[in-house]
Amino acid sequence: KSKIRCSVIGLAAEMFVCKHLCEETGGTYS
């Protein structure tokens, strides 16, 4: 809602919640 684009670089394994955060805010997840 605040139009904050969140991108995540995971340093361990893929996490659903991090991927979801990126998808919802228009960021990228790797």
PDB file of all heavy atoms in Angstrom:
ATOM      1  N   LYS A   1       0.823  -1.200   0.000  1.00  0.00           N
ATOM      2  CA  LYS A   1       0.000   0.000   0.000  1.00  0.00           C
ATOM      3  C   LYS A   1       0.867   1.265   0.000  1.00  0.00           C
ATOM      4  O   LYS A   1       0.515   2.262  -0.625  1.00  0.00           O
ATOM      5  CB  LYS A   1      -0.921   0.006   1.225  1.00  0.00           C
ATOM      6  CG  LYS A   1      -1.875   1.166   1.275  1.00  0.00           C
ATOM      7  CD  LYS A   1      -2.785   1.085   2.474  1.00  0.00           C
ATOM      8  CE  LYS A   1      -3.703   2.288   2.523  1.00  0.00           C
ATOM      9  NZ  LYS A   1      -4.483   2.327   3.744  1.00  0.00           N
ATOM     10  N   SER A   2       2.010   1.212   0.673  1.00  0.00           N
ATOM     11  CA  SER A   2       2.926   2.359   0.734  1.00  0.00           C
ATOM     12  C   SER A   2       3.831   2.448  -0.492  1.00  0.00           C
ATOM     13  O   SER A   2       4.701   3.306  -0.561  1.00  0.00           O
ATOM     14  CB  SER A   2       3.790   2.279   1.997  1.00  0.00           C
ATOM     15  OG  SER A   2       2.995   2.407   3.146  1.00  0.00           O
ATOM     16  N   LYS A   3       3.643   1.519  -1.438  1.00  0.00           N
ATOM     17  CA  LYS A   3       4.435   1.469  -2.673  1.00  0.00           C
ATOM     18  C   LYS A   3       5.927   1.340  -2.378  1.00  0.00           C
ATOM     19  O   LYS A   3       6.758   2.014  -2.984  1.00  0.00           O
ATOM     20  CB  LYS A   3       4.141   2.685  -3.550  1.00  0.00           C
ATOM     21  CG  LYS A   3       2.707   2.693  -4.025  1.00  0.00           C
ATOM     22  CD  LYS A   3       2.434   3.810  -4.976  1.00  0.00           C
ATOM     23  CE  LYS A   3       1.072   3.581  -5.550  1.00  0.00           C
ATOM     24  NZ  LYS A   3       0.150   4.578  -5.544  1.00  0.00           N
ATOM     25  N   ILE A   4       6.243   0.446  -1.447  1.00  0.00           N
ATOM     26  CA  ILE A   4       7.632   0.128  -1.125  1.00  0.00           C
ATOM     27  C   ILE A   4       7.976  -1.174  -1.830  1.00  0.00           C
ATOM     28  O   ILE A   4       7.366  -2.209  -1.566  1.00  0.00           O
ATOM     29  CB  ILE A   4       7.844  -0.001   0.391  1.00  0.00           C
ATOM     30  CG1 ILE A   4       7.560   1.332   1.075  1.00  0.00           C
ATOM     31  CG2 ILE A   4       9.262  -0.476   0.688  1.00  0.00           C
ATOM     32  CD1 ILE A   4       7.595   1.280   2.592  1.00  0.00           C
ATOM     33  N   ARG A   5       8.913  -1.104  -2.741  1.00  0.00           N
ATOM     34  CA  ARG A   5       9.357  -2.283  -3.489  1.00  0.00           C
ATOM     35  C   ARG A   5      10.379  -3.030  -2.637  1.00  0.00           C
ATOM     36  O   ARG A   5      11.417  -2.485  -2.287  1.00  0.00           O
ATOM     37  CB  ARG A   5       9.966  -1.859  -4.816  1.00  0.00           C
ATOM     38  CG  ARG A   5      10.423  -3.012  -5.651  1.00  0.00           C
ATOM     39  CD  ARG A   5      11.016  -2.523  -6.954  1.00  0.00           C
ATOM     40  NE  ARG A   5      11.510  -3.673  -7.675  1.00  0.00           N
ATOM     41  CZ  ARG A   5      12.518  -3.628  -8.519  1.00  0.00           C
ATOM     42  NH1 ARG A   5      13.136  -2.501  -8.739  1.00  0.00           N
ATOM     43  NH2 ARG A   5      12.906  -4.709  -9.130  1.00  0.00           N
ATOM     44  N   CYS A   6      10.078  -4.271  -2.325  1.00  0.00           N
ATOM     45  CA  CYS A   6      10.959  -5.093  -1.490  1.00  0.00           C
ATOM     46  C   CYS A   6      11.573  -6.207  -2.327  1.00  0.00           C
ATOM     47  O   CYS A   6      10.858  -6.979  -2.955  1.00  0.00           O
ATOM     48  CB  CYS A   6      10.188  -5.711  -0.333  1.00  0.00           C
ATOM     49  SG  CYS A   6       9.439  -4.507   0.780  1.00  0.00           S
ATOM     50  N   SER A   7      12.895  -6.270  -2.319  1.00  0.00           N
ATOM     51  CA  SER A   7      13.629  -7.346  -2.980  1.00  0.00           C
ATOM     52  C   SER A   7      14.422  -8.092  -1.917  1.00  0.00           C
ATOM     53  O   SER A   7      14.869  -7.501  -0.936  1.00  0.00           O
ATOM     54  CB  SER A   7      14.578  -6.792  -4.039  1.00  0.00           C
ATOM     55  OG  SER A   7      13.855  -6.179  -5.082  1.00  0.00           O
ATOM     56  N   VAL A   8      14.577  -9.394  -2.123  1.00  0.00           N
ATOM     57  CA  VAL A   8      15.282 -10.228  -1.143  1.00  0.00           C
ATOM     58  C   VAL A   8      16.337 -11.062  -1.867  1.00  0.00           C
ATOM     59  O   VAL A   8      16.067 -11.645  -2.915  1.00  0.00           O
ATOM     60  CB  VAL A   8      14.313 -11.169  -0.390  1.00  0.00           C
ATOM     61  CG1 VAL A   8      15.066 -12.070   0.582  1.00  0.00           C
ATOM     62  CG2 VAL A   8      13.239 -10.368   0.345  1.00  0.00           C
ATOM     63  N   ILE A   9      17.521 -11.115  -1.265  1.00  0.00           N
ATOM     64  CA  ILE A   9      18.533 -12.074  -1.675  1.00  0.00           C
ATOM     65  C   ILE A   9      18.704 -13.019  -0.496  1.00  0.00           C
ATOM     66  O   ILE A   9      19.131 -12.610   0.589  1.00  0.00           O
ATOM     67  CB  ILE A   9      19.880 -11.395  -2.019  1.00  0.00           C
ATOM     68  CG1 ILE A   9      19.709 -10.456  -3.205  1.00  0.00           C
ATOM     69  CG2 ILE A   9      20.938 -12.456  -2.317  1.00  0.00           C
ATOM     70  CD1 ILE A   9      20.956  -9.660  -3.550  1.00  0.00           C
ATOM     71  N   GLY A  10      18.293 -14.261  -0.690  1.00  0.00           N
ATOM     72  CA  GLY A  10      18.423 -15.271   0.348  1.00  0.00           C
ATOM     73  C   GLY A  10      19.846 -15.793   0.390  1.00  0.00           C
ATOM     74  O   GLY A  10      20.465 -16.017  -0.647  1.00  0.00           O
ATOM     75  N   LEU A  11      20.357 -15.968   1.580  1.00  0.00           N
ATOM     76  CA  LEU A  11      21.713 -16.492   1.748  1.00  0.00           C
ATOM     77  C   LEU A  11      21.690 -17.938   2.212  1.00  0.00           C
ATOM     78  O   LEU A  11      22.729 -18.515   2.478  1.00  0.00           O
ATOM     79  CB  LEU A  11      22.493 -15.631   2.738  1.00  0.00           C
ATOM     80  CG  LEU A  11      22.611 -14.154   2.370  1.00  0.00           C
ATOM     81  CD1 LEU A  11      23.328 -13.385   3.460  1.00  0.00           C
ATOM     82  CD2 LEU A  11      23.302 -13.979   1.030  1.00  0.00           C
ATOM     83  N   ALA A  12      20.498 -18.505   2.324  1.00  0.00           N
ATOM     84  CA  ALA A  12      20.346 -19.907   2.728  1.00  0.00           C
ATOM     85  C   ALA A  12      19.446 -20.577   1.688  1.00  0.00           C
ATOM     86  O   ALA A  12      19.769 -20.570   0.518  1.00  0.00           O
ATOM     87  CB  ALA A  12      19.771 -19.990   4.137  1.00  0.00           C
ATOM     88  N   ALA A  13      18.325 -21.086   2.101  1.00  0.00           N
ATOM     89  CA  ALA A  13      17.387 -21.743   1.187  1.00  0.00           C
ATOM     90  C   ALA A  13      16.251 -20.784   0.822  1.00  0.00           C
ATOM     91  O   ALA A  13      16.062 -19.758   1.463  1.00  0.00           O
ATOM     92  CB  ALA A  13      16.814 -22.988   1.856  1.00  0.00           C
ATOM     93  N   GLU A  14      15.506 -21.147  -0.213  1.00  0.00           N
ATOM     94  CA  GLU A  14      14.347 -20.345  -0.603  1.00  0.00           C
ATOM     95  C   GLU A  14      13.279 -20.426   0.472  1.00  0.00           C
ATOM     96  O   GLU A  14      13.011 -21.492   1.017  1.00  0.00           O
ATOM     97  CB  GLU A  14      13.790 -20.844  -1.937  1.00  0.00           C
ATOM     98  CG  GLU A  14      12.627 -20.019  -2.430  1.00  0.00           C
ATOM     99  CD  GLU A  14      12.159 -20.424  -3.820  1.00  0.00           C
ATOM    100  OE1 GLU A  14      12.990 -20.490  -4.724  1.00  0.00           O
ATOM    101  OE2 GLU A  14      10.951 -20.686  -3.951  1.00  0.00           O
ATOM    102  N   MET A  15      12.663 -19.269   0.772  1.00  0.00           N
ATOM    103  CA  MET A  15      11.583 -19.214   1.759  1.00  0.00           C
ATOM    104  C   MET A  15      10.336 -18.643   1.100  1.00  0.00           C
ATOM    105  O   MET A  15      10.400 -17.617   0.420  1.00  0.00           O
ATOM    106  CB  MET A  15      11.976 -18.325   2.939  1.00  0.00           C
ATOM    107  CG  MET A  15      13.001 -18.930   3.855  1.00  0.00           C
ATOM    108  SD  MET A  15      13.429 -17.835   5.228  1.00  0.00           S
ATOM    109  CE  MET A  15      11.843 -17.365   5.895  1.00  0.00           C
ATOM    110  N   PHE A  16       9.204 -19.306   1.330  1.00  0.00           N
ATOM    111  CA  PHE A  16       7.943 -18.877   0.737  1.00  0.00           C
ATOM    112  C   PHE A  16       7.624 -17.432   1.089  1.00  0.00           C
ATOM    113  O   PHE A  16       7.246 -16.637   0.229  1.00  0.00           O
ATOM    114  CB  PHE A  16       6.784 -19.775   1.197  1.00  0.00           C
ATOM    115  CG  PHE A  16       5.444 -19.202   0.830  1.00  0.00           C
ATOM    116  CD1 PHE A  16       4.955 -19.346  -0.460  1.00  0.00           C
ATOM    117  CD2 PHE A  16       4.694 -18.492   1.755  1.00  0.00           C
ATOM    118  CE1 PHE A  16       3.730 -18.788  -0.822  1.00  0.00           C
ATOM    119  CE2 PHE A  16       3.468 -17.937   1.402  1.00  0.00           C
ATOM    120  CZ  PHE A  16       2.983 -18.090   0.117  1.00  0.00           C
ATOM    121  N   VAL A  17       7.775 -17.053   2.360  1.00  0.00           N
ATOM    122  CA  VAL A  17       7.367 -15.724   2.804  1.00  0.00           C
ATOM    123  C   VAL A  17       8.206 -14.637   2.128  1.00  0.00           C
ATOM    124  O   VAL A  17       7.695 -13.569   1.790  1.00  0.00           O
ATOM    125  CB  VAL A  17       7.378 -15.605   4.344  1.00  0.00           C
ATOM    126  CG1 VAL A  17       8.801 -15.589   4.892  1.00  0.00           C
ATOM    127  CG2 VAL A  17       6.608 -14.382   4.792  1.00  0.00           C
ATOM    128  N   CYS A  18       9.475 -14.898   1.885  1.00  0.00           N
ATOM    129  CA  CYS A  18      10.330 -13.919   1.196  1.00  0.00           C
ATOM    130  C   CYS A  18       9.907 -13.782  -0.266  1.00  0.00           C
ATOM    131  O   CYS A  18       9.827 -12.673  -0.799  1.00  0.00           O
ATOM    132  CB  CYS A  18      11.794 -14.332   1.292  1.00  0.00           C
ATOM    133  SG  CYS A  18      12.473 -14.226   2.960  1.00  0.00           S
ATOM    134  N   LYS A  19       9.620 -14.896  -0.889  1.00  0.00           N
ATOM    135  CA  LYS A  19       9.158 -14.881  -2.279  1.00  0.00           C
ATOM    136  C   LYS A  19       7.821 -14.151  -2.382  1.00  0.00           C
ATOM    137  O   LYS A  19       7.602 -13.344  -3.284  1.00  0.00           O
ATOM    138  CB  LYS A  19       9.041 -16.312  -2.802  1.00  0.00           C
ATOM    139  CG  LYS A  19       8.782 -16.406  -4.277  1.00  0.00           C
ATOM    140  CD  LYS A  19       8.855 -17.849  -4.742  1.00  0.00           C
ATOM    141  CE  LYS A  19       8.693 -17.930  -6.239  1.00  0.00           C
ATOM    142  NZ  LYS A  19       8.851 -19.292  -6.736  1.00  0.00           N
ATOM    143  N   HIS A  20       6.927 -14.412  -1.442  1.00  0.00           N
ATOM    144  CA  HIS A  20       5.622 -13.763  -1.408  1.00  0.00           C
ATOM    145  C   HIS A  20       5.774 -12.247  -1.239  1.00  0.00           C
ATOM    146  O   HIS A  20       5.095 -11.466  -1.921  1.00  0.00           O
ATOM    147  CB  HIS A  20       4.773 -14.356  -0.282  1.00  0.00           C
ATOM    148  CG  HIS A  20       3.430 -13.745  -0.145  1.00  0.00           C
ATOM    149  ND1 HIS A  20       2.416 -13.952  -1.055  1.00  0.00           N
ATOM    150  CD2 HIS A  20       2.923 -12.898   0.794  1.00  0.00           C
ATOM    151  CE1 HIS A  20       1.340 -13.270  -0.684  1.00  0.00           C
ATOM    152  NE2 HIS A  20       1.634 -12.618   0.428  1.00  0.00           N
ATOM    153  N   LEU A  21       6.661 -11.826  -0.343  1.00  0.00           N
ATOM    154  CA  LEU A  21       6.924 -10.402  -0.118  1.00  0.00           C
ATOM    155  C   LEU A  21       7.336  -9.731  -1.424  1.00  0.00           C
ATOM    156  O   LEU A  21       6.819  -8.670  -1.784  1.00  0.00           O
ATOM    157  CB  LEU A  21       8.023 -10.230   0.942  1.00  0.00           C
ATOM    158  CG  LEU A  21       8.614  -8.830   1.098  1.00  0.00           C
ATOM    159  CD1 LEU A  21       7.574  -7.844   1.620  1.00  0.00           C
ATOM    160  CD2 LEU A  21       9.828  -8.873   2.038  1.00  0.00           C
ATOM    161  N   CYS A  22       8.242 -10.348  -2.142  1.00  0.00           N
ATOM    162  CA  CYS A  22       8.737  -9.777  -3.400  1.00  0.00           C
ATOM    163  C   CYS A  22       7.649  -9.722  -4.460  1.00  0.00           C
ATOM    164  O   CYS A  22       7.514  -8.728  -5.173  1.00  0.00           O
ATOM    165  CB  CYS A  22       9.941 -10.575  -3.898  1.00  0.00           C
ATOM    166  SG  CYS A  22      11.353 -10.490  -2.776  1.00  0.00           S
ATOM    167  N   GLU A  23       6.867 -10.782  -4.564  1.00  0.00           N
ATOM    168  CA  GLU A  23       5.782 -10.815  -5.549  1.00  0.00           C
ATOM    169  C   GLU A  23       4.746  -9.732  -5.265  1.00  0.00           C
ATOM    170  O   GLU A  23       4.272  -9.067  -6.178  1.00  0.00           O
ATOM    171  CB  GLU A  23       5.115 -12.191  -5.558  1.00  0.00           C
ATOM    172  CG  GLU A  23       5.979 -13.272  -6.172  1.00  0.00           C
ATOM    173  CD  GLU A  23       5.408 -14.675  -5.989  1.00  0.00           C
ATOM    174  OE1 GLU A  23       4.409 -14.844  -5.232  1.00  0.00           O
ATOM    175  OE2 GLU A  23       5.969 -15.607  -6.594  1.00  0.00           O
ATOM    176  N   GLU A  24       4.386  -9.557  -4.000  1.00  0.00           N
ATOM    177  CA  GLU A  24       3.357  -8.581  -3.629  1.00  0.00           C
ATOM    178  C   GLU A  24       3.809  -7.142  -3.849  1.00  0.00           C
ATOM    179  O   GLU A  24       3.000  -6.278  -4.160  1.00  0.00           O
ATOM    180  CB  GLU A  24       2.942  -8.769  -2.158  1.00  0.00           C
ATOM    181  CG  GLU A  24       2.095  -9.988  -1.916  1.00  0.00           C
ATOM    182  CD  GLU A  24       0.723  -9.881  -2.566  1.00  0.00           C
ATOM    183  OE1 GLU A  24       0.018  -8.883  -2.334  1.00  0.00           O
ATOM    184  OE2 GLU A  24       0.352 -10.797  -3.321  1.00  0.00           O
ATOM    185  N   THR A  25       5.101  -6.875  -3.651  1.00  0.00           N
ATOM    186  CA  THR A  25       5.589  -5.497  -3.708  1.00  0.00           C
ATOM    187  C   THR A  25       6.305  -5.163  -5.022  1.00  0.00           C
ATOM    188  O   THR A  25       6.782  -4.045  -5.188  1.00  0.00           O
ATOM    189  CB  THR A  25       6.531  -5.209  -2.527  1.00  0.00           C
ATOM    190  OG1 THR A  25       7.677  -6.066  -2.614  1.00  0.00           O
ATOM    191  CG2 THR A  25       5.815  -5.390  -1.199  1.00  0.00           C
ATOM    192  N   GLY A  26       6.400  -6.133  -5.939  1.00  0.00           N
ATOM    193  CA  GLY A  26       7.031  -5.875  -7.223  1.00  0.00           C
ATOM    194  C   GLY A  26       8.548  -5.983  -7.210  1.00  0.00           C
ATOM    195  O   GLY A  26       9.215  -5.532  -8.136  1.00  0.00           O
ATOM    196  N   GLY A  27       9.090  -6.596  -6.175  1.00  0.00           N
ATOM    197  CA  GLY A  27      10.535  -6.775  -6.080  1.00  0.00           C
ATOM    198  C   GLY A  27      10.988  -8.068  -6.730  1.00  0.00           C
ATOM    199  O   GLY A  27      10.208  -8.769  -7.365  1.00  0.00           O
ATOM    200  N   THR A  28      12.260  -8.370  -6.561  1.00  0.00           N
ATOM    201  CA  THR A  28      12.821  -9.605  -7.102  1.00  0.00           C
ATOM    202  C   THR A  28      13.313 -10.471  -5.951  1.00  0.00           C
ATOM    203  O   THR A  28      13.696  -9.968  -4.892  1.00  0.00           O
ATOM    204  CB  THR A  28      13.998  -9.326  -8.061  1.00  0.00           C
ATOM    205  OG1 THR A  28      15.022  -8.610  -7.355  1.00  0.00           O
ATOM    206  CG2 THR A  28      13.552  -8.518  -9.254  1.00  0.00           C
ATOM    207  N   TYR A  29      13.310 -11.777  -6.176  1.00  0.00           N
ATOM    208  CA  TYR A  29      13.763 -12.712  -5.163  1.00  0.00           C
ATOM    209  C   TYR A  29      14.765 -13.665  -5.781  1.00  0.00           C
ATOM    210  O   TYR A  29      14.519 -14.233  -6.850  1.00  0.00           O
ATOM    211  CB  TYR A  29      12.582 -13.502  -4.588  1.00  0.00           C
ATOM    212  CG  TYR A  29      12.986 -14.469  -3.505  1.00  0.00           C
ATOM    213  CD1 TYR A  29      13.513 -14.012  -2.311  1.00  0.00           C
ATOM    214  CD2 TYR A  29      12.856 -15.837  -3.677  1.00  0.00           C
ATOM    215  CE1 TYR A  29      13.893 -14.894  -1.313  1.00  0.00           C
ATOM    216  CE2 TYR A  29      13.228 -16.725  -2.686  1.00  0.00           C
ATOM    217  CZ  TYR A  29      13.744 -16.238  -1.502  1.00  0.00           C
ATOM    218  OH  TYR A  29      14.119 -17.117  -0.520  1.00  0.00           O
ATOM    219  N   SER A  30      15.905 -13.820  -5.123  1.00  0.00           N
ATOM    220  CA  SER A  30      16.950 -14.731  -5.583  1.00  0.00           C
ATOM    221  C   SER A  30      17.609 -15.363  -4.374  1.00  0.00           C
ATOM    222  O   SER A  30      17.571 -14.819  -3.276  1.00  0.00           O
ATOM    223  CB  SER A  30      18.025 -13.967  -6.371  1.00  0.00           C
ATOM    224  OG  SER A  30      17.464 -13.253  -7.431  1.00  0.00           O
TER     225      SER A  30
END
